[in-house]
């Protein structure tokens, strides 16, 4: 019987399976300060270049914006500045609509 899984859960699982052996090897051959530095960078990258642009895209399409991909690109290349610009300048006034028909005219 086929089941539906959340794409986010699948992505997290694949990243964990791929990175867990690398993390163990890194700690074994390197010092903990270097590992902490790169872990901080990884968290920054996931927040600034995955979570913020993802939220912008989901919000813009849910509000029916015609420029959702453009705002997502701006938010990816200029993470925090792009997010603030979208929030104050580009966010449509339409209410957010979740579901299959979100963003459809």
Protein backbone atom coordinates (compact mmCIF):
# COMPACT_ATOMS: atom_id res chain seq x y z
CA UNK A 1 0.00 0.00 0.00
CA UNK A 2 1.49 3.32 -1.07
CA UNK A 3 1.66 6.13 1.44
CA UNK A 4 2.13 9.84 0.96
CA UNK A 5 5.11 11.36 2.69
CA UNK A 6 5.88 15.00 3.21
CA UNK A 7 8.64 16.17 0.86
CA UNK A 8 10.22 18.04 3.76
CA UNK A 9 10.46 14.87 5.87
CA UNK A 10 11.99 13.00 2.94
CA UNK A 11 14.52 15.81 2.36
CA UNK A 12 15.53 15.89 6.03
CA UNK A 13 15.94 12.13 6.04
CA UNK A 14 18.11 12.12 2.94
CA UNK A 15 20.29 14.93 4.26
CA UNK A 16 20.71 13.14 7.59
CA UNK A 17 21.64 9.86 5.91
CA UNK A 18 24.14 11.62 3.64
CA UNK A 19 25.72 13.89 6.24
CA UNK A 20 25.84 11.70 9.36
CA UNK A 21 28.89 9.66 8.26
CA UNK A 22 30.63 12.86 7.14
CA UNK A 23 30.01 14.50 10.50
CA UNK A 24 31.41 11.50 12.36
CA UNK A 25 34.53 11.43 10.15
CA UNK A 26 34.99 15.20 10.49
CA UNK A 27 34.91 15.08 14.28
CA UNK A 28 37.33 12.16 14.26
CA UNK A 29 39.99 13.88 12.14
CA UNK A 30 39.45 17.58 12.94
CA UNK A 31 39.09 19.78 15.96
CA UNK A 32 35.75 20.71 17.45
CA UNK A 33 36.12 24.48 16.79
CA UNK A 34 36.34 23.94 13.03
CA UNK A 35 33.33 21.65 13.17
CA UNK A 36 31.35 24.27 15.11
CA UNK A 37 32.27 26.94 12.54
CA UNK A 38 31.06 24.87 9.60
CA UNK A 39 27.95 23.77 11.49
CA UNK A 40 27.09 27.43 12.08
CA UNK A 41 27.57 28.15 8.39
CA UNK A 42 25.31 25.22 7.48
CA UNK A 43 22.57 26.54 9.78
CA UNK A 44 22.94 30.02 8.27
CA UNK A 45 22.72 28.60 4.75
CA UNK A 46 19.62 26.55 5.52
CA UNK A 47 17.84 29.49 7.12
CA UNK A 48 18.94 32.24 4.74
CA UNK A 49 18.97 30.36 1.45
CA UNK A 50 16.34 27.65 1.94
CA UNK A 51 13.81 28.61 4.63
CA UNK A 52 13.40 32.34 3.86
CA UNK A 53 13.10 31.95 0.07
CA UNK A 54 10.81 28.97 0.61
CA UNK A 55 8.52 30.99 2.85
CA UNK A 56 8.51 33.87 0.36
CA UNK A 57 7.55 31.54 -2.50
CA UNK A 58 4.81 29.80 -0.53
CA UNK A 59 3.41 33.11 0.75
CA UNK A 60 3.56 34.83 -2.65
CA UNK A 61 1.86 31.97 -4.51
CA UNK A 62 -0.73 31.62 -1.74
CA UNK A 63 -1.59 35.31 -2.11
CA UNK A 64 -1.78 35.07 -5.90
CA UNK A 65 1.32 37.10 -6.74
CA UNK A 66 2.45 37.06 -10.37
CA UNK A 67 6.07 37.64 -9.37
CA UNK A 68 6.54 34.84 -6.82
CA UNK A 69 9.58 33.39 -8.59
CA UNK A 70 11.21 36.82 -8.90
CA UNK A 71 10.81 37.61 -5.21
CA UNK A 72 12.08 34.14 -4.35
CA UNK A 73 15.19 34.73 -6.46
CA UNK A 74 15.82 38.11 -4.84
CA UNK A 75 15.38 36.55 -1.42
CA UNK A 76 17.82 33.76 -2.31
CA UNK A 77 20.59 36.05 -3.60
CA UNK A 78 20.08 38.81 -0.99
CA UNK A 79 18.65 36.72 1.86
CA UNK A 80 17.68 39.09 4.65
CA UNK A 81 17.45 42.27 2.55
CA UNK A 82 15.28 40.46 -0.01
CA UNK A 83 13.02 39.07 2.70
CA UNK A 84 12.48 42.49 4.28
CA UNK A 85 11.91 44.06 0.85
CA UNK A 86 9.31 41.41 -0.03
CA UNK A 87 7.59 41.75 3.32
CA UNK A 88 7.21 45.52 3.10
CA UNK A 89 7.12 46.20 -0.66
CA UNK A 90 6.16 43.11 -2.62
CA UNK A 91 3.68 41.30 -0.43
CA UNK A 92 0.24 41.36 -2.06
CA UNK A 93 -2.69 42.62 0.00
CA UNK A 94 -4.79 39.59 -0.91
CA UNK A 95 -5.46 37.17 1.94
CA UNK A 96 -3.45 33.95 2.01
CA UNK A 97 -5.25 30.99 0.47
CA UNK A 98 -3.96 27.53 1.28
CA UNK A 99 -4.89 24.55 -0.83
CA UNK A 100 -4.80 23.24 -4.36
CA UNK A 101 -6.36 26.37 -5.89
CA UNK A 102 -4.01 28.82 -4.17
CA UNK A 103 -2.81 31.50 -6.54
CA UNK A 104 -5.18 30.47 -9.32
CA UNK A 105 -7.04 33.39 -10.91
